[in-house]
PDB file of N, CA and C in Angstrom:
ATOM      1  N   MET A   1      -2.873 -39.479  -6.417  1.00  0.00           N
ATOM      2  CA  MET A   1      -1.592 -38.658  -6.767  1.00  0.00           C
ATOM      3  C   MET A   1      -2.251 -36.463  -7.096  1.00  0.00           C
ATOM      4  N   LEU A   2      -2.927 -37.145  -7.846  1.00  0.00           N
ATOM      5  CA  LEU A   2      -3.774 -35.946  -8.873  1.00  0.00           C
ATOM      6  C   LEU A   2      -4.073 -34.915  -7.643  1.00  0.00           C
ATOM      7  N   LYS A   3      -4.705 -35.500  -6.523  1.00  0.00           N
ATOM      8  CA  LYS A   3      -5.938 -34.330  -5.580  1.00  0.00           C
ATOM      9  C   LYS A   3      -4.267 -34.079  -4.825  1.00  0.00           C
ATOM     10  N   ASN A   4      -3.556 -34.783  -4.150  1.00  0.00           N
ATOM     11  CA  ASN A   4      -2.426 -34.030  -3.988  1.00  0.00           C
ATOM     12  C   ASN A   4      -1.200 -33.025  -4.727  1.00  0.00           C
ATOM     13  N   LYS A   5      -1.279 -33.247  -5.586  1.00  0.00           N
ATOM     14  CA  LYS A   5      -0.785 -31.970  -5.940  1.00  0.00           C
ATOM     15  C   LYS A   5      -2.359 -31.013  -6.866  1.00  0.00           C
ATOM     16  N   LEU A   6      -3.431 -31.027  -6.708  1.00  0.00           N
ATOM     17  CA  LEU A   6      -4.284 -29.881  -6.658  1.00  0.00           C
ATOM     18  C   LEU A   6      -4.325 -29.239  -5.019  1.00  0.00           C
ATOM     19  N   LYS A   7      -3.977 -29.956  -4.437  1.00  0.00           N
ATOM     20  CA  LYS A   7      -3.777 -29.729  -2.968  1.00  0.00           C
ATOM     21  C   LYS A   7      -3.111 -28.401  -3.044  1.00  0.00           C
ATOM     22  N   ARG A   8      -1.647 -29.087  -3.364  1.00  0.00           N
ATOM     23  CA  ARG A   8      -0.644 -27.900  -3.210  1.00  0.00           C
ATOM     24  C   ARG A   8      -0.389 -27.359  -4.211  1.00  0.00           C
ATOM     25  N   ALA A   9      -1.387 -26.981  -5.342  1.00  0.00           N
ATOM     26  CA  ALA A   9      -1.608 -26.405  -6.787  1.00  0.00           C
ATOM     27  C   ALA A   9      -2.236 -24.930  -5.817  1.00  0.00           C
ATOM     28  N   VAL A  10      -3.436 -25.604  -5.070  1.00  0.00           N
ATOM     29  CA  VAL A  10      -4.434 -24.348  -4.256  1.00  0.00           C
ATOM     30  C   VAL A  10      -3.201 -23.869  -3.445  1.00  0.00           C
ATOM     31  N   ARG A  11      -3.304 -24.449  -2.833  1.00  0.00           N
ATOM     32  CA  ARG A  11      -2.092 -24.180  -1.229  1.00  0.00           C
ATOM     33  C   ARG A  11      -1.189 -22.732  -1.633  1.00  0.00           C
ATOM     34  N   ASP A  12      -0.770 -23.158  -2.781  1.00  0.00           N
ATOM     35  CA  ASP A  12       0.657 -22.830  -3.656  1.00  0.00           C
ATOM     36  C   ASP A  12       0.093 -20.729  -3.947  1.00  0.00           C
ATOM     37  N   LEU A  13      -0.853 -21.168  -4.770  1.00  0.00           N
ATOM     38  CA  LEU A  13      -1.526 -19.829  -5.187  1.00  0.00           C
ATOM     39  C   LEU A  13      -2.217 -18.767  -3.595  1.00  0.00           C
ATOM     40  N   LEU A  14      -2.779 -19.810  -3.030  1.00  0.00           N
ATOM     41  CA  LEU A  14      -3.622 -18.969  -1.613  1.00  0.00           C
ATOM     42  C   LEU A  14      -2.391 -17.554  -1.193  1.00  0.00           C
ATOM     43  N   LEU A  15      -0.985 -19.057  -1.218  1.00  0.00           N
ATOM     44  CA  LEU A  15       0.380 -17.893  -0.957  1.00  0.00           C
ATOM     45  C   LEU A  15       0.687 -17.115  -1.445  1.00  0.00           C
ATOM     46  N   LEU A  16       0.471 -17.412  -3.056  1.00  0.00           N
ATOM     47  CA  LEU A  16       1.206 -16.059  -3.588  1.00  0.00           C
ATOM     48  C   LEU A  16      -0.103 -15.233  -3.570  1.00  0.00           C
ATOM     49  N   SER A  17      -1.266 -15.099  -3.755  1.00  0.00           N
ATOM     50  CA  SER A  17      -2.403 -14.309  -3.495  1.00  0.00           C
ATOM     51  C   SER A  17      -2.390 -13.559  -2.027  1.00  0.00           C
ATOM     52  N   GLY A  18      -1.942 -14.274  -1.042  1.00  0.00           N
ATOM     53  CA  GLY A  18      -1.991 -13.406  -0.063  1.00  0.00           C
ATOM     54  C   GLY A  18      -0.387 -12.342   0.336  1.00  0.00           C
ATOM     55  N   GLY A  19       0.108 -13.356  -0.300  1.00  0.00           N
ATOM     56  CA  GLY A  19       1.441 -12.252  -0.169  1.00  0.00           C
ATOM     57  C   GLY A  19       1.599 -11.168  -1.231  1.00  0.00           C
ATOM     58  N   LEU A  20       0.291 -11.102  -2.746  1.00  0.00           N
ATOM     59  CA  LEU A  20       0.734  -9.990  -3.266  1.00  0.00           C
ATOM     60  C   LEU A  20      -0.494  -9.027  -2.642  1.00  0.00           C
ATOM     61  N   ALA A  21      -1.166  -9.406  -1.968  1.00  0.00           N
ATOM     62  CA  ALA A  21      -2.134  -8.735  -0.962  1.00  0.00           C
ATOM     63  C   ALA A  21      -1.460  -8.231  -0.361  1.00  0.00           C
ATOM     64  N   LEU A  22      -0.450  -8.789   1.103  1.00  0.00           N
ATOM     65  CA  LEU A  22       0.258  -8.050   1.722  1.00  0.00           C
ATOM     66  C   LEU A  22       1.067  -6.871   1.192  1.00  0.00           C
ATOM     67  N   LEU A  23       1.910  -6.856   0.141  1.00  0.00           N
ATOM     68  CA  LEU A  23       2.363  -6.440  -0.536  1.00  0.00           C
ATOM     69  C   LEU A  23       1.752  -5.271  -1.488  1.00  0.00           C
ATOM     70  N   LEU A  24       0.539  -5.224  -2.195  1.00  0.00           N
ATOM     71  CA  LEU A  24       0.337  -3.772  -2.699  1.00  0.00           C
ATOM     72  C   LEU A  24      -0.551  -3.449  -1.175  1.00  0.00           C
ATOM     73  N   LEU A  25      -0.901  -3.490   0.257  1.00  0.00           N
ATOM     74  CA  LEU A  25      -1.224  -3.086   1.335  1.00  0.00           C
ATOM     75  C   LEU A  25      -0.135  -2.545   1.956  1.00  0.00           C
ATOM     76  N   LEU A  26       0.837  -2.527   2.100  1.00  0.00           N
ATOM     77  CA  LEU A  26       2.098  -2.460   2.347  1.00  0.00           C
ATOM     78  C   LEU A  26       2.436  -0.807   1.730  1.00  0.00           C
ATOM     79  N   LEU A  27       2.348  -1.360   0.375  1.00  0.00           N
ATOM     80  CA  LEU A  27       2.427   0.322  -1.076  1.00  0.00           C
ATOM     81  C   LEU A  27       1.511   0.778  -0.380  1.00  0.00           C
ATOM     82  N   ASN A  28       0.556   0.546  -0.379  1.00  0.00           N
ATOM     83  CA  ASN A  28      -0.707   1.396  -0.374  1.00  0.00           C
ATOM     84  C   ASN A  28      -0.766   2.418   1.089  1.00  0.00           C
ATOM     85  N   VAL A  29      -0.155   1.679   2.251  1.00  0.00           N
ATOM     86  CA  VAL A  29       0.396   2.132   3.388  1.00  0.00           C
ATOM     87  C   VAL A  29       1.036   3.202   3.112  1.00  0.00           C
ATOM     88  N   VAL A  30       2.277   3.096   2.200  1.00  0.00           N
ATOM     89  CA  VAL A  30       3.613   3.653   2.141  1.00  0.00           C
ATOM     90  C   VAL A  30       3.246   4.800   1.325  1.00  0.00           C
ATOM     91  N   ILE A  31       2.178   4.778   0.353  1.00  0.00           N
ATOM     92  CA  ILE A  31       1.974   5.473  -0.222  1.00  0.00           C
ATOM     93  C   ILE A  31       1.478   6.912   0.311  1.00  0.00           C
ATOM     94  N   ASN A  32       0.524   6.292   0.755  1.00  0.00           N
ATOM     95  CA  ASN A  32      -0.714   7.554   1.469  1.00  0.00           C
ATOM     96  C   ASN A  32       0.058   8.006   2.819  1.00  0.00           C
ATOM     97  N   LEU A  33       0.856   7.548   3.089  1.00  0.00           N
ATOM     98  CA  LEU A  33       1.869   8.418   4.173  1.00  0.00           C
ATOM     99  C   LEU A  33       2.360   9.502   3.969  1.00  0.00           C
ATOM    100  N   TYR A  34       3.245   9.305   2.559  1.00  0.00           N
ATOM    101  CA  TYR A  34       4.544   9.922   1.885  1.00  0.00           C
ATOM    102  C   TYR A  34       2.677  10.735   0.423  1.00  0.00           C
ATOM    103  N   VAL A  35       1.678  10.438   0.749  1.00  0.00           N
ATOM    104  CA  VAL A  35       1.354  12.079   0.050  1.00  0.00           C
ATOM    105  C   VAL A  35       0.830  12.485   0.987  1.00  0.00           C
ATOM    106  N   GLY A  36       0.306  12.046   2.059  1.00  0.00           N
ATOM    107  CA  GLY A  36      -0.085  12.624   2.976  1.00  0.00           C
ATOM    108  C   GLY A  36       1.033  13.680   4.219  1.00  0.00           C
ATOM    109  N   HIS A  37       1.925  13.923   3.620  1.00  0.00           N
ATOM    110  CA  HIS A  37       2.889  14.267   3.675  1.00  0.00           C
ATOM    111  C   HIS A  37       3.308  15.149   3.253  1.00  0.00           C
ATOM    112  N   LEU A  38       3.564  14.558   2.563  1.00  0.00           N
ATOM    113  CA  LEU A  38       3.082  16.828   1.191  1.00  0.00           C
ATOM    114  C   LEU A  38       2.318  16.994   0.970  1.00  0.00           C
ATOM    115  N   PHE A  39       1.265  16.348   0.921  1.00  0.00           N
ATOM    116  CA  PHE A  39      -0.145  17.821   1.056  1.00  0.00           C
ATOM    117  C   PHE A  39       0.197  18.823   2.894  1.00  0.00           C
ATOM    118  N   LYS A  40      -0.092  17.963   3.304  1.00  0.00           N
ATOM    119  CA  LYS A  40       0.434  18.639   4.456  1.00  0.00           C
ATOM    120  C   LYS A  40       1.828  19.728   5.017  1.00  0.00           C
ATOM    121  N   LYS A  41       2.418  19.285   4.019  1.00  0.00           N
ATOM    122  CA  LYS A  41       3.606  20.646   3.544  1.00  0.00           C
ATOM    123  C   LYS A  41       3.594  21.385   2.848  1.00  0.00           C
ATOM    124  N   GLN A  42       2.621  20.972   2.190  1.00  0.00           N
ATOM    125  CA  GLN A  42       2.095  22.043   0.991  1.00  0.00           C
ATOM    126  C   GLN A  42       0.772  22.855   1.910  1.00  0.00           C
ATOM    127  N   ILE A  43       0.130  22.915   1.822  1.00  0.00           N
ATOM    128  CA  ILE A  43      -0.503  23.617   3.142  1.00  0.00           C
ATOM    129  C   ILE A  43       0.175  24.157   4.034  1.00  0.00           C
ATOM    130  N   ASP A  44       0.933  23.536   4.680  1.00  0.00           N
ATOM    131  CA  ASP A  44       1.896  24.755   6.005  1.00  0.00           C
ATOM    132  C   ASP A  44       2.470  26.196   4.610  1.00  0.00           C
ATOM    133  N   ASP A  45       2.973  25.642   4.067  1.00  0.00           N
ATOM    134  CA  ASP A  45       3.645  26.927   2.938  1.00  0.00           C
ATOM    135  C   ASP A  45       3.210  27.508   2.397  1.00  0.00           C
ATOM    136  N   PHE A  46       1.559  27.414   2.610  1.00  0.00           N
ATOM    137  CA  PHE A  46       0.402  28.072   1.983  1.00  0.00           C
ATOM    138  C   PHE A  46       0.081  29.362   3.069  1.00  0.00           C
ATOM    139  N   GLU A  47      -0.269  28.048   4.448  1.00  0.00           N
ATOM    140  CA  GLU A  47      -0.225  29.466   5.158  1.00  0.00           C
ATOM    141  C   GLU A  47       0.511  30.075   5.405  1.00  0.00           C
ATOM    142  N   ARG A  48       1.689  29.965   5.585  1.00  0.00           N
ATOM    143  CA  ARG A  48       3.040  30.192   6.432  1.00  0.00           C
ATOM    144  C   ARG A  48       2.955  31.779   4.819  1.00  0.00           C
ATOM    145  N   ASN A  49       2.705  31.020   3.885  1.00  0.00           N
ATOM    146  CA  ASN A  49       3.215  32.545   2.885  1.00  0.00           C
ATOM    147  C   ASN A  49       2.089  33.075   2.411  1.00  0.00           C
ATOM    148  N   SER A  50       0.680  33.561   2.969  1.00  0.00           N
ATOM    149  CA  SER A  50      -0.154  34.050   3.228  1.00  0.00           C
ATOM    150  C   SER A  50      -0.873  34.850   3.799  1.00  0.00           C
ATOM    151  N   ALA A  51       0.005  34.138   5.144  1.00  0.00           N
ATOM    152  CA  ALA A  51      -0.158  34.959   6.778  1.00  0.00           C
ATOM    153  C   ALA A  51      -0.073  36.517   6.742  1.00  0.00           C
ATOM    154  N   GLY A  52       0.244  37.238   5.592  1.00  0.00           N
ATOM    155  CA  GLY A  52      -0.050  38.375   5.896  1.00  0.00           C
ATOM    156  C   GLY A  52      -1.107  39.198   4.715  1.00  0.00           C
ATOM    157  N   VAL A  53      -1.584  38.432   4.328  1.00  0.00           N
ATOM    158  CA  VAL A  53      -2.961  38.681   3.276  1.00  0.00           C
ATOM    159  C   VAL A  53      -4.104  38.558   4.450  1.00  0.00           C
TER     160      VAL A  53
END
């Protein structure tokens, strides 16, 4: 009985940690895309404003 509970606890812990890892990976990708877009916009604005210099 205790062995089955331990197996279930380990499985639940692995599922929870795997889900958390996937969530953090997705969050990292979204943040990188958003920040990359902001940097690209700032660089484009800088190049456009400094074209006459």
